[in-house]
Amino acid sequence: MCTEIKQLHLNLGTTIVYVTHDQVEAMTLATVIAVLRDGSIQQLGTPGKFYNRPTNIFVADFMGSPSMNLVPVEFATNGGASDTR
């Protein structure tokens, strides 16, 4: 079915909105992806942007199989103040 949808999209040359929770399907079919959380767009872009530069921790944790390793770190600014994320 995914192959048929992709071919239809290429043949028609029109915009198709396809909703899925399957990340592999989204990364394979899409030219542009939107990740939503609680009704708000977290990131909008190409599959490559999602893979290489997730906008925030939610997107980084959501995308990928296996999921991305997230490690909490502490960093200091030039002024000596620290922040934990």
Protein backbone atom coordinates (compact mmCIF):
# COMPACT_ATOMS: atom_id res chain seq x y z
CA MET A 1 0.00 0.00 0.00
CA CYS A 2 2.83 2.42 0.85
CA THR A 3 4.42 1.86 -2.55
CA GLU A 4 1.09 2.61 -4.26
CA ILE A 5 0.61 5.82 -2.27
CA LYS A 6 4.15 7.00 -3.05
CA GLN A 7 3.67 6.25 -6.75
CA LEU A 8 0.31 8.03 -6.79
CA HIS A 9 1.90 11.07 -5.19
CA LEU A 10 4.71 11.11 -7.77
CA ASN A 11 2.34 10.60 -10.73
CA LEU A 12 -0.21 13.22 -9.67
CA GLY A 13 2.30 15.82 -8.52
CA THR A 14 -0.17 17.12 -5.95
CA THR A 15 -0.07 17.59 -2.22
CA ILE A 16 -1.23 14.61 -0.19
CA VAL A 17 -1.84 14.76 3.55
CA TYR A 18 -1.23 11.35 5.10
CA VAL A 19 -1.63 10.80 8.84
CA THR A 20 0.26 7.97 10.48
CA HIS A 21 1.80 7.04 13.83
CA ASP A 22 4.30 4.77 12.06
CA GLN A 23 7.61 6.62 12.00
CA VAL A 24 9.20 4.35 9.38
CA GLU A 25 6.21 4.90 7.11
CA ALA A 26 6.42 8.68 7.62
CA MET A 27 10.16 8.82 6.94
CA THR A 28 9.74 6.67 3.82
CA LEU A 29 6.71 8.33 2.24
CA ALA A 30 7.01 11.97 3.20
CA THR A 31 8.68 14.90 1.56
CA VAL A 32 7.64 17.03 4.58
CA ILE A 33 6.76 15.73 8.06
CA ALA A 34 4.98 17.44 10.94
CA VAL A 35 5.25 16.09 14.47
CA LEU A 36 2.41 17.24 16.71
CA ARG A 37 2.13 17.16 20.49
CA ASP A 38 -1.09 18.17 22.24
CA GLY A 39 -2.28 19.89 19.05
CA SER A 40 0.88 21.96 18.55
CA ILE A 41 3.46 21.41 15.82
CA GLN A 42 6.77 20.52 17.42
CA GLN A 43 8.73 20.31 14.17
CA LEU A 44 7.99 20.67 10.47
CA GLY A 45 10.55 19.65 7.87
CA THR A 46 12.11 17.01 5.70
CA PRO A 47 12.88 13.51 6.98
CA GLY A 48 16.58 14.41 6.90
CA LYS A 49 16.03 17.39 9.22
CA PHE A 50 14.19 15.18 11.71
CA TYR A 51 16.97 12.61 11.65
CA ASN A 52 19.90 15.03 11.82
CA ARG A 53 18.49 18.01 13.74
CA PRO A 54 15.48 17.33 15.96
CA THR A 55 14.02 20.63 17.22
CA ASN A 56 13.55 19.56 20.83
CA ILE A 57 13.82 16.61 23.22
CA PHE A 58 10.26 15.47 22.48
CA VAL A 59 10.99 15.11 18.76
CA ALA A 60 14.37 13.49 19.42
CA ASP A 61 12.81 10.95 21.76
CA PHE A 62 9.78 10.34 19.53
CA MET A 63 11.58 9.75 16.24
CA GLY A 64 13.73 6.75 15.47
CA SER A 65 13.80 3.07 16.03
CA PRO A 66 15.54 2.32 18.25
CA SER A 67 14.92 5.63 19.97
CA MET A 68 17.70 8.14 20.53
CA ASN A 69 19.76 7.90 23.72
CA LEU A 70 19.12 10.95 25.89
CA VAL A 71 21.65 11.78 28.58
CA PRO A 72 21.07 14.55 31.16
CA VAL A 73 24.02 16.95 31.37
CA GLU A 74 25.06 19.97 33.38
CA PHE A 75 26.79 22.85 31.66
CA ALA A 76 28.21 26.17 32.82
CA THR A 77 28.24 29.51 31.04
CA ASN A 78 31.17 31.95 31.05
CA GLY A 79 29.58 33.65 34.06
CA GLY A 80 29.83 30.42 36.07
CA ALA A 81 26.07 29.81 36.35
CA SER A 82 25.04 26.22 35.72
CA ASP A 83 21.91 24.74 34.23
CA THR A 84 20.73 21.11 34.20
CA ARG A 85 18.85 19.74 31.21
